[in-house]
Amino acid sequence: MNYILIIMYNLFIFTSLISILTLIFDQGMLYHQFCESKLWSNLNYHNNTEIFNVSSSLLMLYYPVKSILKKIKGRNYILEKVLILTSVGSALYHYKKTYFTSLFDELPMMIYAGLVVHMASKDIHVQNLNLSTSIIIILLKIFHISSVLFVVFFTLHTAISGLYLVSKRVFSLKILLKFFLIASIRQFTEDMCEYLPLFIAFIGHPLWHIFASKYSVELADELYNYLHIPNRHSYKSVPV
């Protein structure tokens, strides 16, 4: 295990420790008002807990746990473990929005993205650029320097990295399009929340949780296959 992977793994452990702080401190800071909160407010049900978002966050556990239980020889399942942490962090954040729960929600996502690029890239320059960018994004989040810069950096990092790895035949174009589609649905239901039928508005974000978890495990499978780690399914790259 080289030093970059060690740093990423330590960040993974750090975010686990953040969960303890979420149970001790409450800074009462509302960073996002998701569609579900708006809908409950409109229905005169004033509760900060987003029932559907919490439930769907816990359902995210299904796919990484299912993958780990296969116990395929040669895999360390580090990506699936980060996804489990993401699920718990997301549930905590939608249950109670504080600075610490927001860290526990978002830091695992950044670590997952950074680990994927590091594991997939054979170019040391790309690995170093990925590490530097990941550290900047994490520091922006931890110190709450700029919410706008954080979102811009994280979005650009994941989008550009994804396109780069598809061009290198690490991942299929299909998996990238799946992420784009479900992310678009999530954003549409959040932006148009109060104009959509109640049922559609309520399920937009939960669908994102469940399918993002599913596609993240599929992406991990493609990565393991690319690295010639045993997999039960064959995978052929889709030409770009």
Protein backbone atom coordinates (compact mmCIF):
# COMPACT_ATOMS: atom_id res chain seq x y z
CA MET A 1 0.00 0.00 0.00
CA ASN A 2 1.64 3.29 -1.04
CA TYR A 3 1.49 6.60 0.79
CA ILE A 4 -1.39 8.05 -1.27
CA LEU A 5 -3.66 5.13 -0.47
CA ILE A 6 -2.62 5.37 3.18
CA ILE A 7 -3.65 9.04 3.26
CA MET A 8 -7.01 8.21 1.67
CA TYR A 9 -7.56 5.37 4.12
CA ASN A 10 -6.74 7.62 7.09
CA LEU A 11 -9.27 10.15 5.81
CA PHE A 12 -11.78 7.29 5.74
CA ILE A 13 -11.02 6.57 9.43
CA PHE A 14 -11.25 10.30 10.23
CA THR A 15 -14.76 10.53 8.85
CA SER A 16 -15.74 7.54 10.98
CA LEU A 17 -14.65 9.45 14.08
CA ILE A 18 -16.76 12.41 12.98
CA SER A 19 -19.83 10.27 13.65
CA ILE A 20 -19.07 10.39 17.38
CA LEU A 21 -19.03 14.19 17.28
CA THR A 22 -22.46 14.23 15.62
CA LEU A 23 -23.87 12.63 18.75
CA ILE A 24 -22.19 15.11 21.11
CA PHE A 25 -22.39 18.49 19.42
CA ASP A 26 -25.29 20.31 17.82
CA GLN A 27 -24.38 23.56 16.14
CA GLY A 28 -27.91 24.09 14.83
CA MET A 29 -26.69 25.08 11.39
CA LEU A 30 -29.01 24.42 8.45
CA TYR A 31 -26.91 24.17 5.30
CA HIS A 32 -29.54 22.94 2.88
CA GLN A 33 -33.27 23.01 2.75
CA PHE A 34 -34.09 19.98 0.68
CA CYS A 35 -37.34 19.48 -1.16
CA GLU A 36 -38.72 17.17 1.52
CA SER A 37 -38.29 19.81 4.23
CA LYS A 38 -40.12 22.36 2.10
CA LEU A 39 -42.98 19.94 1.45
CA TRP A 40 -43.41 19.04 5.12
CA SER A 41 -43.39 22.75 5.95
CA ASN A 42 -46.08 23.42 3.33
CA LEU A 43 -48.15 20.63 4.91
CA ASN A 44 -47.76 22.38 8.30
CA TYR A 45 -45.64 19.54 9.63
CA HIS A 46 -42.65 21.33 11.12
CA ASN A 47 -39.96 18.74 11.72
CA ASN A 48 -36.33 18.96 10.65
CA THR A 49 -36.13 15.18 10.20
CA GLU A 50 -36.60 14.20 6.55
CA ILE A 51 -38.29 10.82 6.91
CA PHE A 52 -38.03 9.69 3.29
CA ASN A 53 -34.45 10.91 2.87
CA VAL A 54 -33.34 9.20 6.09
CA SER A 55 -35.03 5.94 5.08
CA SER A 56 -33.56 5.97 1.57
CA SER A 57 -30.11 6.79 3.00
CA LEU A 58 -30.28 3.61 5.09
CA LEU A 59 -31.46 1.64 2.04
CA MET A 60 -28.18 2.68 0.39
CA LEU A 61 -26.52 0.09 2.63
CA TYR A 62 -28.04 -2.76 0.63
CA TYR A 63 -25.77 -2.63 -2.44
CA PRO A 64 -22.32 -2.30 -0.80
CA VAL A 65 -23.20 -4.83 1.91
CA LYS A 66 -24.47 -7.27 -0.72
CA SER A 67 -21.22 -6.84 -2.65
CA ILE A 68 -19.05 -7.40 0.44
CA LEU A 69 -20.99 -10.55 1.39
CA LYS A 70 -19.97 -12.14 -1.94
CA LYS A 71 -16.45 -12.38 -0.44
CA ILE A 72 -14.76 -12.45 -3.83
CA LYS A 73 -11.13 -13.45 -3.34
CA GLY A 74 -8.58 -10.70 -3.95
CA ARG A 75 -10.82 -7.74 -3.15
CA ASN A 76 -10.30 -5.46 -0.16
CA TYR A 77 -13.75 -3.83 -0.62
CA ILE A 78 -12.41 -0.41 0.43
CA LEU A 79 -14.80 1.36 -1.96
CA GLU A 80 -17.81 -0.53 -0.60
CA LYS A 81 -16.75 0.31 2.97
CA VAL A 82 -16.66 4.01 2.07
CA LEU A 83 -20.15 3.66 0.54
CA ILE A 84 -21.41 2.17 3.82
CA LEU A 85 -19.99 5.18 5.64
CA THR A 86 -21.67 7.46 3.09
CA SER A 87 -25.02 5.81 3.77
CA VAL A 88 -24.77 6.26 7.54
CA GLY A 89 -23.52 9.84 7.16
CA SER A 90 -26.35 10.72 4.79
CA ALA A 91 -28.94 9.28 7.19
CA LEU A 92 -27.49 11.27 10.10
CA TYR A 93 -27.44 14.49 8.08
CA HIS A 94 -31.02 14.19 6.87
CA TYR A 95 -32.06 13.28 10.41
CA LYS A 96 -30.36 16.28 12.01
CA LYS A 97 -28.57 18.99 10.04
CA THR A 98 -25.45 20.23 11.82
CA TYR A 99 -21.93 21.10 10.71
CA PHE A 100 -20.61 17.76 11.92
CA THR A 101 -23.31 15.66 10.26
CA SER A 102 -22.69 17.56 7.03
CA LEU A 103 -19.03 16.50 7.25
CA PHE A 104 -19.99 12.90 7.86
CA ASP A 105 -22.38 13.09 4.90
CA GLU A 106 -20.07 14.65 2.32
CA LEU A 107 -16.49 13.68 3.21
CA PRO A 108 -17.02 9.98 2.38
CA MET A 109 -18.29 10.98 -1.09
CA MET A 110 -15.08 12.92 -1.72
CA ILE A 111 -12.93 10.07 -0.43
CA TYR A 112 -14.78 7.58 -2.66
CA ALA A 113 -14.19 9.77 -5.74
CA GLY A 114 -10.52 10.29 -4.84
CA LEU A 115 -9.94 6.58 -4.22
CA VAL A 116 -11.54 5.60 -7.53
CA VAL A 117 -9.28 7.94 -9.51
CA HIS A 118 -6.18 6.88 -7.58
CA MET A 119 -6.85 3.17 -7.99
CA ALA A 120 -7.77 3.49 -11.68
CA SER A 121 -4.95 5.74 -12.85
CA LYS A 122 -1.55 4.36 -13.80
CA ASP A 123 -0.12 7.85 -14.38
CA ILE A 124 1.71 9.20 -11.32
CA HIS A 125 1.02 12.78 -12.44
CA VAL A 126 -2.73 12.10 -12.55
CA GLN A 127 -2.53 10.47 -9.11
CA ASN A 128 -0.72 13.47 -7.64
CA LEU A 129 -3.15 15.93 -9.24
CA ASN A 130 -6.06 13.87 -7.90
CA LEU A 131 -4.55 13.85 -4.40
CA SER A 132 -3.94 17.62 -4.43
CA THR A 133 -7.45 18.36 -5.71
CA SER A 134 -9.04 15.97 -3.20
CA ILE A 135 -7.18 17.63 -0.31
CA ILE A 136 -8.26 21.11 -1.45
CA ILE A 137 -11.90 19.99 -1.69
CA ILE A 138 -11.78 18.34 1.74
CA LEU A 139 -10.20 21.43 3.34
CA LEU A 140 -12.83 23.67 1.73
CA LYS A 141 -15.47 21.50 3.35
CA ILE A 142 -13.87 21.04 6.78
CA PHE A 143 -13.10 24.73 7.28
CA HIS A 144 -16.27 25.83 5.51
CA ILE A 145 -14.23 28.33 3.50
CA SER A 146 -16.64 28.68 0.59
CA SER A 147 -19.72 26.60 -0.15
CA VAL A 148 -19.69 27.78 -3.76
CA LEU A 149 -16.03 26.86 -4.33
CA PHE A 150 -16.59 23.51 -2.64
CA VAL A 151 -19.50 22.59 -4.93
CA VAL A 152 -17.69 23.84 -8.06
CA PHE A 153 -14.43 22.01 -7.27
CA PHE A 154 -16.15 18.76 -6.30
CA THR A 155 -18.45 18.77 -9.33
CA LEU A 156 -15.64 19.55 -11.76
CA HIS A 157 -13.34 17.00 -10.17
CA THR A 158 -15.85 14.14 -10.43
CA ALA A 159 -17.04 15.10 -13.94
CA ILE A 160 -13.56 15.56 -15.45
CA SER A 161 -12.19 12.47 -13.69
CA GLY A 162 -15.13 10.43 -14.92
CA LEU A 163 -14.68 11.52 -18.53
CA TYR A 164 -10.91 10.93 -18.30
CA LEU A 165 -11.36 7.38 -16.99
CA VAL A 166 -13.99 6.59 -19.63
CA SER A 167 -11.56 7.79 -22.30
CA LYS A 168 -8.93 5.43 -20.84
CA ARG A 169 -11.39 2.52 -21.08
CA VAL A 170 -11.42 2.08 -17.30
CA PHE A 171 -15.19 2.53 -17.12
CA SER A 172 -18.01 2.18 -19.62
CA LEU A 173 -19.75 5.26 -20.94
CA LYS A 174 -22.99 3.61 -19.83
CA ILE A 175 -22.17 3.90 -16.12
CA LEU A 176 -21.29 7.58 -16.50
CA LEU A 177 -24.60 8.25 -18.27
CA LYS A 178 -26.47 6.46 -15.50
CA PHE A 179 -24.96 8.80 -12.91
CA PHE A 180 -25.75 11.82 -15.08
CA LEU A 181 -29.38 10.74 -15.50
CA ILE A 182 -30.12 10.10 -11.84
CA ALA A 183 -28.27 13.29 -10.80
CA SER A 184 -30.36 15.27 -13.31
CA ILE A 185 -33.59 13.79 -11.93
CA ARG A 186 -32.50 14.67 -8.40
CA GLN A 187 -31.65 18.24 -9.35
CA PHE A 188 -34.88 18.69 -11.32
CA THR A 189 -37.07 17.52 -8.43
CA GLU A 190 -35.17 19.75 -5.99
CA ASP A 191 -35.41 22.85 -8.21
CA MET A 192 -39.04 22.27 -9.25
CA CYS A 193 -40.09 20.88 -5.88
CA GLU A 194 -43.13 23.08 -5.23
CA TYR A 195 -44.44 22.78 -8.78
CA LEU A 196 -44.45 18.99 -9.06
CA PRO A 197 -47.09 16.50 -7.89
CA LEU A 198 -46.50 15.69 -4.23
CA PHE A 199 -45.54 12.05 -4.82
CA ILE A 200 -42.93 12.88 -7.50
CA ALA A 201 -41.45 15.69 -5.43
CA PHE A 202 -41.10 13.42 -2.39
CA ILE A 203 -39.32 10.57 -4.20
CA GLY A 204 -36.76 12.59 -6.21
CA HIS A 205 -34.00 12.71 -3.60
CA PRO A 206 -34.65 9.19 -2.21
CA LEU A 207 -34.33 7.78 -5.73
CA TRP A 208 -30.97 9.54 -6.04
CA HIS A 209 -29.78 7.88 -2.81
CA ILE A 210 -30.74 4.37 -3.86
CA PHE A 211 -29.57 4.48 -7.48
CA ALA A 212 -26.37 6.40 -6.67
CA SER A 213 -25.47 3.57 -4.29
CA LYS A 214 -26.33 0.93 -6.90
CA TYR A 215 -24.31 2.63 -9.64
CA SER A 216 -21.37 3.26 -7.29
CA VAL A 217 -21.12 -0.48 -6.63
CA GLU A 218 -21.39 -1.18 -10.37
CA LEU A 219 -18.58 1.31 -10.96
CA ALA A 220 -16.48 -0.44 -8.30
CA ASP A 221 -17.09 -3.77 -10.08
CA GLU A 222 -15.89 -2.28 -13.37
CA LEU A 223 -12.80 -0.91 -11.63
CA TYR A 224 -11.98 -4.26 -10.01
CA ASN A 225 -12.35 -5.92 -13.39
CA TYR A 226 -10.05 -3.34 -15.00
CA LEU A 227 -7.46 -4.06 -12.31
CA HIS A 228 -7.86 -7.79 -13.04
CA ILE A 229 -9.31 -8.47 -9.61
CA PRO A 230 -11.65 -11.48 -9.83
CA ASN A 231 -15.25 -10.66 -10.67
CA ARG A 232 -18.26 -12.81 -11.34
CA HIS A 233 -19.20 -10.88 -14.43
CA SER A 234 -17.21 -10.08 -17.55
CA TYR A 235 -16.99 -6.48 -18.65
CA LYS A 236 -16.12 -5.01 -21.99
CA SER A 237 -15.37 -1.34 -22.41
CA VAL A 238 -17.80 0.68 -24.43
CA PRO A 239 -16.09 2.73 -27.14
CA VAL A 240 -16.34 6.50 -26.69
